[in-house]
Amino acid sequence: MGRTVPTYRNTLESIIASWSDYRRALPKEDREAFDRMVNRARMHASAATYAAFSDPVEGAFLSILLEQEKEIRRLKGEE
């Protein structure tokens, strides 16, 4: 018997797919930034799975924010 609950990774891909119209409407340079952003959400899929948020978008947003915070600190020379 198969899984009855989709994995977080599959759910995340569904969320990203649901944003495709938004992505398509962006200018090219913004689409590239958007793609980098969603890849940051993919980087922390394991942590989001472990946290088991009731709303999986919460895990995606936290993952993106975490990577942005790390980038800000790197650019400020705090790392």
N, C-alpha and C. Protein backbone atom coordinates (compact mmCIF):
# COMPACT_ATOMS: atom_id res chain seq x y z
N MET A 1 0.83 -1.17 0.00
CA MET A 1 0.00 0.00 0.00
C MET A 1 0.89 1.25 0.00
N GLY A 2 0.50 2.28 -0.74
CA GLY A 2 1.29 3.50 -0.86
C GLY A 2 1.03 4.49 0.25
N ARG A 3 1.77 5.58 0.17
CA ARG A 3 1.60 6.67 1.14
C ARG A 3 0.24 7.33 0.97
N THR A 4 -0.35 7.75 2.07
CA THR A 4 -1.61 8.49 1.99
C THR A 4 -1.37 9.98 2.19
N VAL A 5 -0.22 10.33 2.76
CA VAL A 5 0.13 11.73 2.99
C VAL A 5 1.31 12.07 2.10
N PRO A 6 1.18 13.10 1.26
CA PRO A 6 2.32 13.45 0.40
C PRO A 6 3.51 13.94 1.23
N THR A 7 4.70 13.70 0.74
CA THR A 7 5.90 14.17 1.44
C THR A 7 5.95 15.69 1.37
N TYR A 8 6.72 16.28 2.28
CA TYR A 8 6.87 17.73 2.25
C TYR A 8 7.50 18.16 0.93
N ARG A 9 8.49 17.42 0.46
CA ARG A 9 9.14 17.79 -0.81
C ARG A 9 8.13 17.83 -1.95
N ASN A 10 7.24 16.85 -2.01
CA ASN A 10 6.21 16.86 -3.06
C ASN A 10 5.25 18.02 -2.86
N THR A 11 4.90 18.29 -1.62
CA THR A 11 4.01 19.42 -1.33
C THR A 11 4.66 20.73 -1.71
N LEU A 12 5.96 20.87 -1.39
CA LEU A 12 6.69 22.09 -1.76
C LEU A 12 6.69 22.28 -3.27
N GLU A 13 6.92 21.22 -4.02
CA GLU A 13 6.90 21.33 -5.48
C GLU A 13 5.52 21.74 -5.97
N SER A 14 4.46 21.28 -5.31
CA SER A 14 3.10 21.70 -5.67
C SER A 14 2.88 23.18 -5.38
N ILE A 15 3.42 23.64 -4.26
CA ILE A 15 3.32 25.06 -3.91
C ILE A 15 4.04 25.90 -4.96
N ILE A 16 5.25 25.50 -5.29
CA ILE A 16 6.03 26.23 -6.29
C ILE A 16 5.30 26.23 -7.63
N ALA A 17 4.72 25.10 -8.00
CA ALA A 17 3.96 25.02 -9.25
C ALA A 17 2.76 25.96 -9.23
N SER A 18 2.14 26.11 -8.05
CA SER A 18 0.97 27.00 -7.95
C SER A 18 1.37 28.47 -8.12
N TRP A 19 2.65 28.77 -7.95
CA TRP A 19 3.16 30.13 -8.14
C TRP A 19 3.61 30.38 -9.58
N SER A 20 3.40 29.43 -10.48
CA SER A 20 3.94 29.53 -11.85
C SER A 20 3.36 30.71 -12.63
N ASP A 21 2.08 31.03 -12.46
CA ASP A 21 1.51 32.19 -13.18
C ASP A 21 2.17 33.48 -12.71
N TYR A 22 2.40 33.58 -11.41
CA TYR A 22 3.08 34.75 -10.86
C TYR A 22 4.49 34.85 -11.47
N ARG A 23 5.22 33.72 -11.46
CA ARG A 23 6.58 33.70 -12.01
C ARG A 23 6.58 34.12 -13.47
N ARG A 24 5.65 33.58 -14.23
CA ARG A 24 5.57 33.87 -15.67
C ARG A 24 5.33 35.35 -15.94
N ALA A 25 4.63 36.03 -15.05
CA ALA A 25 4.31 37.45 -15.23
C ALA A 25 5.47 38.37 -14.86
N LEU A 26 6.51 37.83 -14.23
CA LEU A 26 7.65 38.64 -13.82
C LEU A 26 8.58 38.93 -15.01
N PRO A 27 9.30 40.07 -14.97
CA PRO A 27 10.34 40.31 -15.95
C PRO A 27 11.45 39.25 -15.80
N LYS A 28 12.23 39.05 -16.84
CA LYS A 28 13.23 37.98 -16.86
C LYS A 28 14.16 38.01 -15.65
N GLU A 29 14.69 39.19 -15.31
CA GLU A 29 15.63 39.26 -14.18
C GLU A 29 14.95 38.91 -12.86
N ASP A 30 13.68 39.24 -12.75
CA ASP A 30 12.93 38.88 -11.54
C ASP A 30 12.61 37.39 -11.51
N ARG A 31 12.38 36.80 -12.67
CA ARG A 31 12.15 35.34 -12.73
C ARG A 31 13.40 34.60 -12.25
N GLU A 32 14.56 35.09 -12.63
CA GLU A 32 15.81 34.46 -12.18
C GLU A 32 15.95 34.57 -10.67
N ALA A 33 15.62 35.73 -10.10
CA ALA A 33 15.66 35.91 -8.66
C ALA A 33 14.62 35.02 -7.98
N PHE A 34 13.45 34.92 -8.57
CA PHE A 34 12.39 34.06 -8.04
C PHE A 34 12.86 32.61 -8.00
N ASP A 35 13.49 32.16 -9.07
CA ASP A 35 14.00 30.78 -9.12
C ASP A 35 15.04 30.54 -8.04
N ARG A 36 15.92 31.50 -7.82
CA ARG A 36 16.92 31.36 -6.74
C ARG A 36 16.22 31.28 -5.39
N MET A 37 15.17 32.08 -5.22
CA MET A 37 14.44 32.10 -3.96
C MET A 37 13.78 30.75 -3.68
N VAL A 38 13.10 30.19 -4.66
CA VAL A 38 12.43 28.91 -4.41
C VAL A 38 13.44 27.78 -4.22
N ASN A 39 14.59 27.91 -4.84
CA ASN A 39 15.64 26.91 -4.60
C ASN A 39 16.11 26.96 -3.15
N ARG A 40 16.06 28.13 -2.55
CA ARG A 40 16.41 28.25 -1.13
C ARG A 40 15.40 27.51 -0.25
N ALA A 41 14.16 27.51 -0.65
CA ALA A 41 13.15 26.75 0.09
C ALA A 41 13.45 25.26 -0.01
N ARG A 42 13.89 24.82 -1.18
CA ARG A 42 14.22 23.41 -1.38
C ARG A 42 15.41 22.98 -0.51
N MET A 43 16.32 23.90 -0.24
CA MET A 43 17.52 23.59 0.53
C MET A 43 17.20 23.11 1.95
N HIS A 44 16.08 23.55 2.50
CA HIS A 44 15.73 23.25 3.88
C HIS A 44 14.49 22.37 3.99
N ALA A 45 14.24 21.58 2.97
CA ALA A 45 13.06 20.71 2.98
C ALA A 45 13.10 19.72 4.14
N SER A 46 14.29 19.24 4.48
CA SER A 46 14.38 18.28 5.59
C SER A 46 13.95 18.91 6.91
N ALA A 47 14.39 20.14 7.16
CA ALA A 47 14.02 20.83 8.40
C ALA A 47 12.51 21.10 8.43
N ALA A 48 11.95 21.50 7.29
CA ALA A 48 10.52 21.76 7.22
C ALA A 48 9.72 20.47 7.41
N THR A 49 10.24 19.37 6.91
CA THR A 49 9.59 18.08 7.12
C THR A 49 9.58 17.74 8.60
N TYR A 50 10.71 17.92 9.25
CA TYR A 50 10.85 17.61 10.67
C TYR A 50 9.91 18.48 11.51
N ALA A 51 9.78 19.74 11.15
CA ALA A 51 8.93 20.66 11.92
C ALA A 51 7.45 20.35 11.77
N ALA A 52 7.06 19.73 10.67
CA ALA A 52 5.67 19.33 10.43
C ALA A 52 4.67 20.48 10.65
N PHE A 53 4.89 21.59 9.95
CA PHE A 53 3.98 22.73 10.03
C PHE A 53 2.60 22.33 9.53
N SER A 54 1.57 22.89 10.12
CA SER A 54 0.21 22.61 9.64
C SER A 54 0.00 23.22 8.25
N ASP A 55 0.68 24.32 7.98
CA ASP A 55 0.65 24.94 6.65
C ASP A 55 2.05 24.83 6.05
N PRO A 56 2.25 24.01 5.03
CA PRO A 56 3.58 23.81 4.47
C PRO A 56 4.22 25.07 3.88
N VAL A 57 3.40 26.06 3.53
CA VAL A 57 3.95 27.31 3.02
C VAL A 57 4.81 27.98 4.09
N GLU A 58 4.43 27.78 5.35
CA GLU A 58 5.20 28.35 6.46
C GLU A 58 6.64 27.86 6.43
N GLY A 59 6.83 26.57 6.19
CA GLY A 59 8.19 26.02 6.08
C GLY A 59 8.95 26.61 4.91
N ALA A 60 8.26 26.80 3.79
CA ALA A 60 8.90 27.39 2.61
C ALA A 60 9.36 28.81 2.91
N PHE A 61 8.47 29.60 3.49
CA PHE A 61 8.81 31.00 3.80
C PHE A 61 9.94 31.09 4.82
N LEU A 62 9.89 30.27 5.86
CA LEU A 62 10.96 30.30 6.85
C LEU A 62 12.31 29.91 6.23
N SER A 63 12.30 28.95 5.35
CA SER A 63 13.54 28.53 4.68
C SER A 63 14.11 29.65 3.82
N ILE A 64 13.24 30.33 3.09
CA ILE A 64 13.67 31.46 2.26
C ILE A 64 14.21 32.58 3.13
N LEU A 65 13.50 32.90 4.20
CA LEU A 65 13.95 33.96 5.11
C LEU A 65 15.27 33.62 5.77
N LEU A 66 15.45 32.38 6.16
CA LEU A 66 16.71 31.95 6.77
C LEU A 66 17.87 32.18 5.81
N GLU A 67 17.71 31.77 4.56
CA GLU A 67 18.78 31.96 3.58
C GLU A 67 19.03 33.43 3.30
N GLN A 68 17.98 34.25 3.29
CA GLN A 68 18.17 35.68 3.09
C GLN A 68 18.91 36.31 4.27
N GLU A 69 18.59 35.88 5.48
CA GLU A 69 19.29 36.37 6.66
C GLU A 69 20.78 36.02 6.59
N LYS A 70 21.07 34.80 6.18
CA LYS A 70 22.47 34.39 6.05
C LYS A 70 23.20 35.24 5.00
N GLU A 71 22.51 35.53 3.91
CA GLU A 71 23.12 36.35 2.86
C GLU A 71 23.34 37.79 3.34
N ILE A 72 22.41 38.34 4.07
CA ILE A 72 22.57 39.69 4.62
C ILE A 72 23.78 39.73 5.55
N ARG A 73 23.89 38.75 6.43
CA ARG A 73 25.03 38.70 7.36
C ARG A 73 26.33 38.56 6.59
N ARG A 74 26.33 37.75 5.54
CA ARG A 74 27.55 37.57 4.74
C ARG A 74 27.93 38.89 4.07
N LEU A 75 26.96 39.60 3.51
CA LEU A 75 27.23 40.86 2.84
C LEU A 75 27.70 41.94 3.81
N LYS A 76 27.21 41.89 5.04
CA LYS A 76 27.65 42.84 6.06
C LYS A 76 29.01 42.49 6.63
N GLY A 77 29.52 41.32 6.28
CA GLY A 77 30.81 40.88 6.80
C GLY A 77 30.75 40.36 8.21
N GLU A 78 29.58 39.92 8.65
CA GLU A 78 29.40 39.42 10.01
C GLU A 78 29.72 37.94 10.15
N GLU A 79 30.03 37.29 9.05
CA GLU A 79 30.35 35.85 9.12
C GLU A 79 31.82 35.63 8.95
